[in-house]
Amino acid sequence: MKQSHKSILALMLFGFLFLNSIQSQEKRLKRPTGRVGIHSVDTFVRESFDLYDKVYIYDSYAQKGQSLEEDDYEALIDTVEDAESVLSSAPDAIADINGAGILKQGKATLQMNRAKKALKYSIKTAKKLLSEKRGKGGETTTEDDIAQNSPNNTNGSPDQETNATKALDIYSKFDFVPGDKILMADDFSLDNMGDFPSKWNTNGTGELTMINEEKWFKLAGKSIYIPDLPSNLPEDYTVEFDMFTVVDKKTSSQAKLEIWLEDNNLFNPSKNMAMVEIPLCLFISVGFIIENRIDGNRVIRNAVEKDIRDILLQNNHISIAVNGKRFRMWINENKVVDVPRLVPENIVSFKLHPRDIRDGIDNVFINNVKIAQGGLDLRSQLLENGRFSTTGILFNSGSDQIKPESFGVLKQVAETMQQEPTLNLKIIGHTDADGNDGLNLTLSEKRASSVKNALIAQFHIESNRLQTEGKGESEPVDKNTTTEGKTNNRRVEFVKI
């Protein structure tokens, strides 16, 4: 046989073997094109296929005989946890399909089924790859090893990285610190579904609706909303709320959620005001419009070029800090506005105004509203008074998992300890009076420990400088019959030792 023919046969044999090895991998699922328009379904599908694509690539390496690195196996462990978490959210997404039109229901169901198939492949394949991994000494990574690394495992070391720590990592540039005295708080838990919330005033309409078993305040276009405050706004204060929007590519480029700081508590035009517009448009980036008026004259009007279209269809946390004339605003961990002389004098009220939204099509929801008076510098309070109490370290309901928006407070505590090497602290957890006394005591102890662990893992504070204690509901600083009182009582205290 001629040499050229031998070469051709060798190439054909190699190609056959190569193709056969590739074909042994499951045929790749195609990511659905286009959104359904149901937020929970679109999120489920996107997250499912993000995980699927990652696992499929690792599986293709294995099929080709390529060795995976240690970092790859770590990523696979995280992927199993993430995939199981996403899969557990499927019932909520399926429930949201029921209220949609027939065509949308059909499209959503097809995409959900494909996404669930992708998730099941991801979990099964990732576990298979992990079980085949041989560590030093011939040890095999098993499902027990995966569970041992899970954030739900309580037997690991305090400084082991968890999902909560990862979330705090994302907020590493977040320097917002909430005020220490709650003026108004509303999670709408005391109001009935379908009603207008009792702590708000409006010149239009609005109602409470249920989203994922939580009450949200649905805002209406052409309406102004004013929360009830016990007094006029002070010079230094903070505002926080969660915002969830449902918009599409036909939503107007003029659609905004306007935040007004004004010199009256009425619905009349004000001579002194500051305004920031959060854009709600998907098809073009219009930025944040900032404006103010002093004695009826416009002094500032400008656009801050920030593009938030990629996060508009998710639950976002809005944080605002006003210190005299300075106005700062964050969306999640990112600062989007910082203007040193935006706020005029004589401002007394905070207002919300959705503008140019299509009622029944574009939807704006808010929840977990908190307005607080700014306090003294944290470092000064610790060094001069020997103690500091804050409602700014937040936890998931009934849990000791710290919310990432707590980063600013934790950072200030850590910086104070780093600047004062002889300063040691006792961290004391407090709860409100809802629920069982014993469970509240245990929860407060766990929360204090979580704060300690975050300071150690995130900021490298030495563990021997921190002690913890839980006092449950035994030392309230406010009444437990109002949302504001409960919020003030759910606090973390730092005491010099």
Protein backbone atom coordinates (compact mmCIF):
# COMPACT_ATOMS: atom_id res chain seq x y z
CA MET A 1 0.00 0.00 0.00
CA LYS A 2 1.30 3.42 -0.91
CA GLN A 3 2.44 5.69 1.90
CA SER A 4 -0.20 8.30 0.99
CA HIS A 5 -2.98 5.74 1.28
CA LYS A 6 -1.66 4.66 4.69
CA SER A 7 -1.72 8.28 5.83
CA ILE A 8 -5.29 8.73 4.66
CA LEU A 9 -6.43 5.56 6.44
CA ALA A 10 -4.66 6.66 9.63
CA LEU A 11 -6.35 10.03 9.51
CA MET A 12 -9.74 8.41 8.90
CA LEU A 13 -9.20 6.04 11.84
CA PHE A 14 -8.15 8.93 14.10
CA GLY A 15 -11.15 10.97 12.98
CA PHE A 16 -13.51 8.07 13.66
CA LEU A 17 -12.11 7.54 17.15
CA PHE A 18 -12.20 11.30 17.90
CA LEU A 19 -15.77 11.68 16.70
CA ASN A 20 -16.81 8.59 18.61
CA SER A 21 -15.39 10.04 21.84
CA ILE A 22 -17.19 13.34 21.26
CA GLN A 23 -20.47 11.61 20.40
CA SER A 24 -20.35 9.76 23.70
CA GLN A 25 -21.13 13.06 25.35
CA GLU A 26 -24.82 13.87 25.55
CA LYS A 27 -26.05 16.05 22.68
CA ARG A 28 -25.86 19.66 23.77
CA LEU A 29 -29.13 21.33 24.73
CA LYS A 30 -29.84 24.64 23.03
CA ARG A 31 -30.48 27.65 25.22
CA PRO A 32 -33.98 29.07 24.50
CA THR A 33 -33.98 32.20 22.39
CA GLY A 34 -35.92 35.20 23.64
CA ARG A 35 -37.57 35.86 26.97
CA VAL A 36 -40.99 34.70 28.07
CA GLY A 37 -41.78 37.95 29.87
CA ILE A 38 -42.39 36.27 33.26
CA HIS A 39 -39.52 37.38 35.50
CA SER A 40 -39.24 34.22 37.62
CA VAL A 41 -39.32 31.97 34.54
CA ASP A 42 -36.77 34.03 32.61
CA THR A 43 -34.46 34.06 35.64
CA PHE A 44 -34.84 30.29 36.15
CA VAL A 45 -34.04 29.57 32.49
CA ARG A 46 -31.06 31.93 32.36
CA GLU A 47 -29.49 30.63 35.58
CA SER A 48 -30.12 27.00 34.58
CA PHE A 49 -28.35 27.32 31.24
CA ASP A 50 -25.48 29.36 32.70
CA LEU A 51 -24.76 26.40 34.97
CA TYR A 52 -25.39 23.88 32.19
CA ASP A 53 -22.90 25.55 29.84
CA LYS A 54 -20.23 25.47 32.54
CA VAL A 55 -20.68 21.76 33.33
CA TYR A 56 -20.93 20.80 29.66
CA ILE A 57 -17.51 22.31 28.98
CA TYR A 58 -15.94 20.42 31.91
CA ASP A 59 -17.60 17.22 30.69
CA SER A 60 -16.21 17.76 27.19
CA TYR A 61 -12.70 18.03 28.67
CA ALA A 62 -13.19 14.72 30.46
CA GLN A 63 -14.54 13.06 27.30
CA LYS A 64 -11.38 14.13 25.44
CA GLY A 65 -9.18 12.73 28.22
CA GLN A 66 -8.03 16.14 29.45
CA SER A 67 -7.32 16.34 33.18
CA LEU A 68 -9.28 18.79 35.29
CA GLU A 69 -7.44 21.14 37.62
CA GLU A 70 -8.12 21.56 41.34
CA ASP A 71 -9.87 24.87 40.64
CA ASP A 72 -12.14 23.06 38.19
CA TYR A 73 -13.24 20.63 40.87
CA GLU A 74 -13.89 23.50 43.28
CA ALA A 75 -16.05 25.13 40.61
CA LEU A 76 -17.96 21.88 40.12
CA ILE A 77 -18.73 21.65 43.85
CA ASP A 78 -20.11 25.21 43.75
CA THR A 79 -22.08 24.34 40.63
CA VAL A 80 -23.82 21.40 42.31
CA GLU A 81 -24.89 23.65 45.19
CA ASP A 82 -26.04 26.40 42.84
CA ALA A 83 -27.92 24.01 40.55
CA GLU A 84 -29.78 22.40 43.45
CA SER A 85 -30.70 25.86 44.74
CA VAL A 86 -32.01 26.95 41.33
CA LEU A 87 -33.95 23.69 40.92
CA SER A 88 -35.66 24.28 44.27
CA SER A 89 -37.05 27.57 42.93
CA ALA A 90 -38.90 25.83 40.07
CA PRO A 91 -42.27 25.61 41.93
CA ASP A 92 -42.35 29.40 42.38
CA ALA A 93 -41.68 29.98 38.68
CA ILE A 94 -44.32 27.41 37.69
CA ALA A 95 -46.87 29.11 39.96
CA ASP A 96 -46.22 32.43 38.22
CA ILE A 97 -47.04 30.87 34.83
CA ASN A 98 -50.66 30.24 35.79
CA GLY A 99 -51.71 33.88 35.57
CA ALA A 100 -50.28 34.40 32.07
CA GLY A 101 -52.04 34.19 28.71
CA ILE A 102 -52.37 30.87 26.87
CA LEU A 103 -49.54 31.51 24.39
CA LYS A 104 -47.21 32.78 27.09
CA GLN A 105 -48.05 29.78 29.30
CA GLY A 106 -47.15 27.40 26.48
CA LYS A 107 -43.82 29.10 25.76
CA ALA A 108 -42.99 29.33 29.46
CA THR A 109 -43.76 25.65 30.06
CA LEU A 110 -41.52 24.54 27.16
CA GLN A 111 -38.65 26.69 28.39
CA MET A 112 -39.06 25.50 32.00
CA ASN A 113 -38.98 21.85 30.91
CA ARG A 114 -35.82 22.41 28.88
CA ALA A 115 -34.19 24.31 31.74
CA LYS A 116 -35.04 21.57 34.26
CA LYS A 117 -33.50 19.00 31.93
CA ALA A 118 -30.36 21.14 31.75
CA LEU A 119 -30.21 21.42 35.54
CA LYS A 120 -30.62 17.69 36.09
CA TYR A 121 -27.82 17.03 33.59
CA SER A 122 -25.63 19.58 35.38
CA ILE A 123 -26.14 18.02 38.81
CA LYS A 124 -25.73 14.42 37.61
CA THR A 125 -22.66 15.14 35.46
CA ALA A 126 -20.91 17.36 38.00
CA LYS A 127 -21.33 14.70 40.69
CA LYS A 128 -20.02 12.05 38.30
CA LEU A 129 -16.91 14.10 37.51
CA LEU A 130 -16.33 14.76 41.21
CA SER A 131 -16.73 11.08 42.11
CA GLU A 132 -14.04 10.18 39.56
CA LYS A 133 -11.58 12.67 40.94
CA ARG A 134 -8.61 11.05 42.67
CA GLY A 135 -7.01 13.15 45.35
CA LYS A 136 -3.74 12.66 47.08
CA GLY A 137 -3.36 9.21 48.57
CA GLY A 138 -5.95 7.78 46.19
CA GLU A 139 -8.93 9.37 47.94
CA THR A 140 -12.07 9.92 45.92
CA THR A 141 -14.28 12.99 46.09
CA THR A 142 -17.77 11.72 46.89
CA GLU A 143 -21.19 13.26 47.42
CA ASP A 144 -20.39 13.33 51.14
CA ASP A 145 -17.43 15.59 50.35
CA ILE A 146 -19.73 17.86 48.41
CA ALA A 147 -22.12 18.01 51.35
CA GLN A 148 -19.22 18.71 53.70
CA ASN A 149 -18.37 21.80 51.65
CA SER A 150 -21.99 22.90 51.46
CA PRO A 151 -22.94 26.21 53.14
CA ASN A 152 -25.60 24.26 55.03
CA ASN A 153 -22.95 22.23 56.78
CA THR A 154 -22.51 23.47 60.35
CA ASN A 155 -19.46 21.37 61.15
CA GLY A 156 -16.93 23.38 59.14
CA SER A 157 -14.55 25.96 60.55
CA PRO A 158 -15.92 29.45 61.25
CA ASP A 159 -13.76 31.06 58.61
CA GLN A 160 -14.69 28.56 55.86
CA GLU A 161 -15.93 30.42 52.77
CA THR A 162 -19.73 30.25 52.43
CA ASN A 163 -22.24 31.65 50.01
CA ALA A 164 -22.78 34.51 52.46
CA THR A 165 -19.08 35.36 52.41
CA LYS A 166 -19.10 35.28 48.62
CA ALA A 167 -22.05 37.68 48.62
CA LEU A 168 -20.14 40.03 50.92
CA ASP A 169 -17.17 39.83 48.53
CA ILE A 170 -19.36 41.24 45.78
CA TYR A 171 -20.19 44.22 48.01
CA SER A 172 -16.53 44.94 48.80
CA LYS A 173 -16.76 48.49 47.37
CA PHE A 174 -20.09 49.23 49.08
CA ASP A 175 -19.52 51.98 51.66
CA PHE A 176 -23.13 52.84 52.51
CA VAL A 177 -23.83 52.97 56.26
CA PRO A 178 -27.50 53.35 57.30
CA GLY A 179 -28.67 55.75 59.98
CA ASP A 180 -28.91 54.40 63.51
CA LYS A 181 -32.37 55.72 64.50
CA ILE A 182 -35.33 54.35 62.55
CA LEU A 183 -37.84 57.05 61.60
CA MET A 184 -40.05 54.92 59.39
CA ALA A 185 -39.99 51.24 58.42
CA ASP A 186 -42.53 49.31 56.37
CA ASP A 187 -42.55 45.75 55.11
CA PHE A 188 -46.37 45.93 54.71
CA SER A 189 -46.83 42.95 57.03
CA LEU A 190 -49.54 44.79 59.01
CA ASP A 191 -51.63 45.63 55.92
CA ASN A 192 -54.12 43.49 54.03
CA MET A 193 -53.60 42.26 50.49
CA GLY A 194 -55.16 44.53 47.89
CA ASP A 195 -55.27 47.53 50.25
CA PHE A 196 -53.37 50.77 50.01
CA PRO A 197 -50.70 50.64 52.76
CA SER A 198 -51.60 52.51 55.93
CA LYS A 199 -48.27 54.34 56.38
CA TRP A 200 -48.40 56.12 53.03
CA ASN A 201 -50.26 58.99 51.39
CA THR A 202 -50.96 59.48 47.67
CA ASN A 203 -52.83 61.64 45.19
CA GLY A 204 -53.49 58.57 43.05
CA THR A 205 -53.75 54.87 43.76
CA GLY A 206 -51.72 51.75 44.52
CA GLU A 207 -52.17 48.37 46.16
CA LEU A 208 -50.42 45.54 47.93
CA THR A 209 -49.79 42.41 45.90
CA MET A 210 -48.09 39.08 46.59
CA ILE A 211 -44.82 38.13 44.89
CA ASN A 212 -43.09 34.91 45.97
CA GLU A 213 -45.02 34.85 49.25
CA GLU A 214 -44.01 38.44 50.10
CA LYS A 215 -46.22 41.53 50.11
CA TRP A 216 -45.06 44.25 47.71
CA PHE A 217 -46.45 47.75 47.17
CA LYS A 218 -47.45 48.12 43.53
CA LEU A 219 -47.06 51.74 42.40
CA ALA A 220 -49.27 53.32 39.74
CA GLY A 221 -48.32 55.85 37.09
CA LYS A 222 -49.24 59.52 37.54
CA SER A 223 -49.27 59.04 41.33
CA ILE A 224 -47.08 60.56 44.04
CA TYR A 225 -46.33 58.56 47.19
CA ILE A 226 -45.33 60.10 50.52
CA PRO A 227 -44.42 57.93 53.56
CA ASP A 228 -45.64 59.07 56.97
CA LEU A 229 -42.76 60.34 59.10
CA PRO A 230 -42.89 61.32 62.79
CA SER A 231 -41.17 64.63 61.99
CA ASN A 232 -39.46 66.50 59.17
CA LEU A 233 -36.36 64.90 57.69
CA PRO A 234 -33.18 65.73 59.64
CA GLU A 235 -30.00 67.06 58.06
CA ASP A 236 -28.42 63.60 57.86
CA TYR A 237 -30.53 60.56 56.99
CA THR A 238 -30.65 57.40 54.91
CA VAL A 239 -33.38 55.77 52.82
CA GLU A 240 -33.46 52.13 51.74
CA PHE A 241 -35.96 50.04 49.82
CA ASP A 242 -36.16 47.03 47.54
CA MET A 243 -37.38 47.68 43.99
CA PHE A 244 -38.73 45.12 41.55
CA THR A 245 -39.74 46.14 38.03
CA VAL A 246 -41.51 44.41 35.15
CA VAL A 247 -40.85 46.24 31.89
CA ASP A 248 -40.24 45.30 28.25
CA LYS A 249 -38.57 46.69 25.14
CA LYS A 250 -41.65 48.80 24.38
CA THR A 251 -41.37 50.63 27.71
CA SER A 252 -40.86 54.35 27.06
CA SER A 253 -37.40 55.87 27.24
CA GLN A 254 -39.05 58.45 29.52
CA ALA A 255 -40.21 55.82 32.01
CA LYS A 256 -38.61 56.58 35.39
CA LEU A 257 -39.03 56.09 39.09
CA GLU A 258 -38.44 59.60 40.38
CA ILE A 259 -37.13 60.21 43.89
CA TRP A 260 -38.08 63.64 45.22
CA LEU A 261 -36.72 65.42 48.29
CA GLU A 262 -38.97 68.46 48.82
CA ASP A 263 -39.78 71.35 51.14
CA ASN A 264 -43.40 70.27 51.74
CA ASN A 265 -45.47 67.19 52.57
CA LEU A 266 -48.12 68.06 49.98
CA PHE A 267 -48.67 67.29 46.31
CA ASN A 268 -48.04 70.88 45.23
CA PRO A 269 -44.94 72.02 43.30
CA SER A 270 -42.08 72.92 45.62
CA LYS A 271 -39.68 75.85 45.42
CA ASN A 272 -36.85 73.83 46.98
CA MET A 273 -36.30 70.28 45.82
CA ALA A 274 -33.80 67.67 44.69
CA MET A 275 -34.69 64.88 42.29
CA VAL A 276 -33.04 61.74 40.94
CA GLU A 277 -34.67 59.64 38.21
CA ILE A 278 -34.05 55.88 38.07
CA PRO A 279 -34.42 54.85 34.39
CA LEU A 280 -36.81 51.98 33.58
CA CYS A 281 -36.10 51.70 29.84
CA LEU A 282 -34.66 48.49 28.35
CA PHE A 283 -34.02 49.35 24.71
CA ILE A 284 -31.70 52.32 25.25
CA SER A 285 -29.50 53.57 28.08
CA VAL A 286 -30.74 56.99 29.20
CA GLY A 287 -28.78 57.32 32.44
CA PHE A 288 -29.86 58.90 35.72
CA ILE A 289 -31.26 62.42 35.53
CA ILE A 290 -30.40 64.63 38.51
CA GLU A 291 -32.02 68.01 39.13
CA ASN A 292 -32.59 70.55 41.88
CA ARG A 293 -34.39 73.84 42.43
CA ILE A 294 -33.51 76.53 44.95
CA ASP A 295 -36.09 79.26 45.61
CA GLY A 296 -37.91 78.20 42.48
CA ASN A 297 -34.85 78.40 40.22
CA ARG A 298 -33.27 75.38 38.58
CA VAL A 299 -29.60 75.21 39.53
CA ILE A 300 -28.63 71.68 38.49
CA ARG A 301 -29.92 69.41 35.75
CA ASN A 302 -27.68 66.74 34.29
CA ALA A 303 -27.54 63.10 33.18
CA VAL A 304 -25.29 60.60 34.97
CA GLU A 305 -24.29 57.96 32.43
CA LYS A 306 -24.93 54.65 34.19
CA ASP A 307 -26.46 51.68 32.37
CA ILE A 308 -28.59 49.41 34.58
CA ARG A 309 -30.60 47.63 31.89
CA ASP A 310 -29.03 44.24 32.66
CA ILE A 311 -30.40 44.27 36.23
CA LEU A 312 -33.75 46.01 35.75
CA LEU A 313 -35.76 42.79 35.73
CA GLN A 314 -34.48 41.57 39.09
CA ASN A 315 -35.01 42.53 42.71
CA ASN A 316 -32.68 45.47 43.41
CA HIS A 317 -31.77 47.13 46.70
CA ILE A 318 -31.74 50.94 46.62
CA SER A 319 -29.66 52.80 49.24
CA ILE A 320 -29.64 56.60 49.62
CA ALA A 321 -27.51 58.69 51.97
CA VAL A 322 -28.12 62.42 52.47
CA ASN A 323 -25.54 64.35 54.46
CA GLY A 324 -26.39 68.04 54.38
CA LYS A 325 -26.25 69.00 50.70
CA ARG A 326 -24.54 65.79 49.57
CA PHE A 327 -26.66 63.10 47.88
CA ARG A 328 -25.42 59.57 47.23
CA MET A 329 -27.31 56.59 45.85
CA TRP A 330 -26.38 52.94 45.36
CA ILE A 331 -28.17 50.20 43.45
CA ASN A 332 -27.13 46.94 45.05
CA GLU A 333 -23.36 47.26 45.58
CA ASN A 334 -22.73 49.94 42.96
CA LYS A 335 -22.74 53.68 43.60
CA VAL A 336 -24.68 55.33 40.75
CA VAL A 337 -25.00 58.95 41.97
CA ASP A 338 -22.74 61.10 44.15
CA VAL A 339 -23.40 64.85 43.95
CA PRO A 340 -21.81 67.09 46.63
CA ARG A 341 -24.32 70.00 46.46
CA LEU A 342 -27.60 68.62 45.16
CA VAL A 343 -29.87 68.95 48.21
CA PRO A 344 -31.16 72.44 49.10
CA GLU A 345 -31.91 73.60 52.63
CA ASN A 346 -35.40 73.27 54.17
CA ILE A 347 -36.04 69.77 52.80
CA VAL A 348 -38.69 68.02 54.91
CA SER A 349 -40.06 65.07 52.89
CA PHE A 350 -39.20 62.06 50.75
CA LYS A 351 -41.50 61.19 47.84
CA LEU A 352 -41.71 58.59 45.06
CA HIS A 353 -43.24 59.25 41.64
CA PRO A 354 -43.38 56.68 38.79
CA ARG A 355 -43.52 58.55 35.49
CA ASP A 356 -44.51 57.54 31.96
CA ILE A 357 -45.21 53.90 32.81
CA ARG A 358 -48.05 51.99 31.17
CA ASP A 359 -50.40 50.91 33.94
CA GLY A 360 -51.13 47.20 33.70
CA ILE A 361 -48.07 46.60 31.49
CA ASP A 362 -45.11 48.29 33.17
CA ASN A 363 -45.01 47.48 36.87
CA VAL A 364 -42.97 48.99 39.70
CA PHE A 365 -43.03 47.34 43.14
CA ILE A 366 -41.29 48.37 46.36
CA ASN A 367 -40.75 46.62 49.68
CA ASN A 368 -38.70 46.77 52.90
CA VAL A 369 -38.69 50.55 53.11
CA LYS A 370 -36.53 52.06 55.86
CA ILE A 371 -35.82 55.72 56.60
CA ALA A 372 -33.33 56.39 59.40
CA GLN A 373 -31.68 59.40 60.98
CA GLY A 374 -27.91 59.47 60.56
CA GLY A 375 -25.91 59.10 63.77
CA LEU A 376 -22.48 59.97 65.06
CA ASP A 377 -19.37 58.50 63.55
CA LEU A 378 -19.14 54.82 64.49
CA ARG A 379 -15.50 55.07 65.51
CA SER A 380 -16.23 58.02 67.83
CA GLN A 381 -19.06 56.17 69.53
CA LEU A 382 -16.92 53.11 70.17
CA LEU A 383 -13.93 55.03 71.46
CA GLU A 384 -15.78 57.72 73.42
CA ASN A 385 -18.84 55.82 74.67
CA GLY A 386 -17.43 52.30 74.64
CA ARG A 387 -20.37 50.91 72.66
CA PHE A 388 -22.18 51.17 69.35
CA SER A 389 -25.59 49.78 68.36
CA THR A 390 -26.75 49.36 64.77
CA THR A 391 -29.80 48.17 62.85
CA GLY A 392 -27.68 48.23 59.69
CA ILE A 393 -26.46 44.63 59.90
CA LEU A 394 -29.28 42.73 58.25
CA PHE A 395 -30.09 39.02 58.20
CA ASN A 396 -32.41 36.85 56.17
CA SER A 397 -35.70 36.36 58.00
CA GLY A 398 -35.38 33.82 60.82
CA SER A 399 -31.77 33.15 59.80
CA ASP A 400 -28.24 34.04 60.84
CA GLN A 401 -27.14 34.58 57.22
CA ILE A 402 -25.95 38.17 56.82
CA LYS A 403 -27.36 40.16 53.91
CA PRO A 404 -24.63 41.63 51.66
CA GLU A 405 -25.93 45.21 52.07
CA SER A 406 -24.56 45.02 55.64
CA PHE A 407 -21.03 45.34 54.25
CA GLY A 408 -20.66 49.09 54.93
CA VAL A 409 -21.26 48.72 58.67
CA LEU A 410 -19.00 45.68 58.97
CA LYS A 411 -16.29 47.54 57.10
CA GLN A 412 -16.46 50.50 59.51
CA VAL A 413 -16.21 48.20 62.53
CA ALA A 414 -13.24 46.40 60.99
CA GLU A 415 -11.46 49.64 60.07
CA THR A 416 -11.90 50.93 63.61
CA MET A 417 -10.35 47.75 65.03
CA GLN A 418 -7.50 47.90 62.52
CA GLN A 419 -6.78 51.53 63.50
CA GLU A 420 -7.01 50.72 67.21
CA PRO A 421 -4.99 47.51 67.75
CA THR A 422 -5.80 47.40 71.49
CA LEU A 423 -9.58 47.60 70.90
CA ASN A 424 -11.40 44.33 71.63
CA LEU A 425 -15.16 43.97 71.19
CA LYS A 426 -18.08 41.91 72.42
CA ILE A 427 -20.72 41.42 69.72
CA ILE A 428 -24.25 41.16 71.15
CA GLY A 429 -27.23 40.03 69.08
CA HIS A 430 -30.78 41.21 69.81
CA THR A 431 -34.12 40.21 68.27
CA ASP A 432 -37.67 41.53 68.36
CA ALA A 433 -40.32 39.77 70.44
CA ASP A 434 -42.01 37.84 67.63
CA GLY A 435 -41.91 34.09 68.10
CA ASN A 436 -40.61 31.81 70.85
CA ASP A 437 -38.37 33.30 73.56
CA GLY A 438 -35.93 30.39 73.50
CA LEU A 439 -35.65 30.33 69.72
CA ASN A 440 -35.06 34.09 69.68
CA LEU A 441 -32.25 33.69 72.20
CA THR A 442 -30.62 30.99 70.08
CA LEU A 443 -31.08 33.07 66.93
CA SER A 444 -29.47 36.13 68.53
CA GLU A 445 -26.46 34.02 69.58
CA LYS A 446 -26.07 32.64 66.07
CA ARG A 447 -26.32 36.10 64.54
CA ALA A 448 -23.63 37.45 66.85
CA SER A 449 -21.41 34.53 65.83
CA SER A 450 -22.09 35.21 62.14
CA VAL A 451 -20.93 38.80 62.58
CA LYS A 452 -17.78 37.62 64.32
CA ASN A 453 -17.07 35.09 61.56
CA ALA A 454 -17.60 37.74 58.87
CA LEU A 455 -15.13 40.10 60.56
CA ILE A 456 -12.58 37.29 60.76
CA ALA A 457 -13.05 35.90 57.23
CA GLN A 458 -13.71 39.12 55.37
CA PHE A 459 -11.49 41.62 57.17
CA HIS A 460 -8.92 39.34 58.88
CA ILE A 461 -9.67 40.54 62.42
CA GLU A 462 -8.01 38.23 64.97
CA SER A 463 -10.55 35.90 66.58
CA ASN A 464 -9.17 36.47 70.09
CA ARG A 465 -10.23 40.13 69.87
CA LEU A 466 -13.91 39.25 69.50
CA GLN A 467 -16.43 37.74 71.89
CA THR A 468 -20.12 37.04 71.23
CA GLU A 469 -23.33 36.96 73.23
CA GLY A 470 -27.02 36.68 72.40
CA LYS A 471 -29.76 38.36 74.42
CA GLY A 472 -32.78 37.50 72.29
CA GLU A 473 -35.74 39.75 73.01
CA SER A 474 -34.79 40.45 76.65
CA GLU A 475 -33.49 44.02 76.20
CA PRO A 476 -35.80 45.93 73.83
CA VAL A 477 -35.06 49.58 73.08
CA ASP A 478 -38.46 50.23 71.52
CA LYS A 479 -41.99 48.84 71.61
CA ASN A 480 -42.64 45.60 69.74
CA THR A 481 -46.07 46.61 68.46
CA THR A 482 -44.92 48.63 65.43
CA THR A 483 -42.73 47.86 62.44
CA GLU A 484 -40.38 50.69 63.44
CA GLY A 485 -40.12 49.40 67.00
CA LYS A 486 -39.38 45.86 65.88
CA THR A 487 -36.74 47.13 63.45
CA ASN A 488 -35.04 49.11 66.23
CA ASN A 489 -35.04 46.03 68.46
CA ARG A 490 -33.50 43.79 65.76
CA ARG A 491 -30.01 45.14 66.25
CA VAL A 492 -26.38 44.21 66.76
CA GLU A 493 -24.44 45.87 69.55
CA PHE A 494 -20.67 46.28 69.79
CA VAL A 495 -19.28 46.81 73.32
CA LYS A 496 -15.67 47.63 74.17
CA ILE A 497 -14.04 45.02 76.44
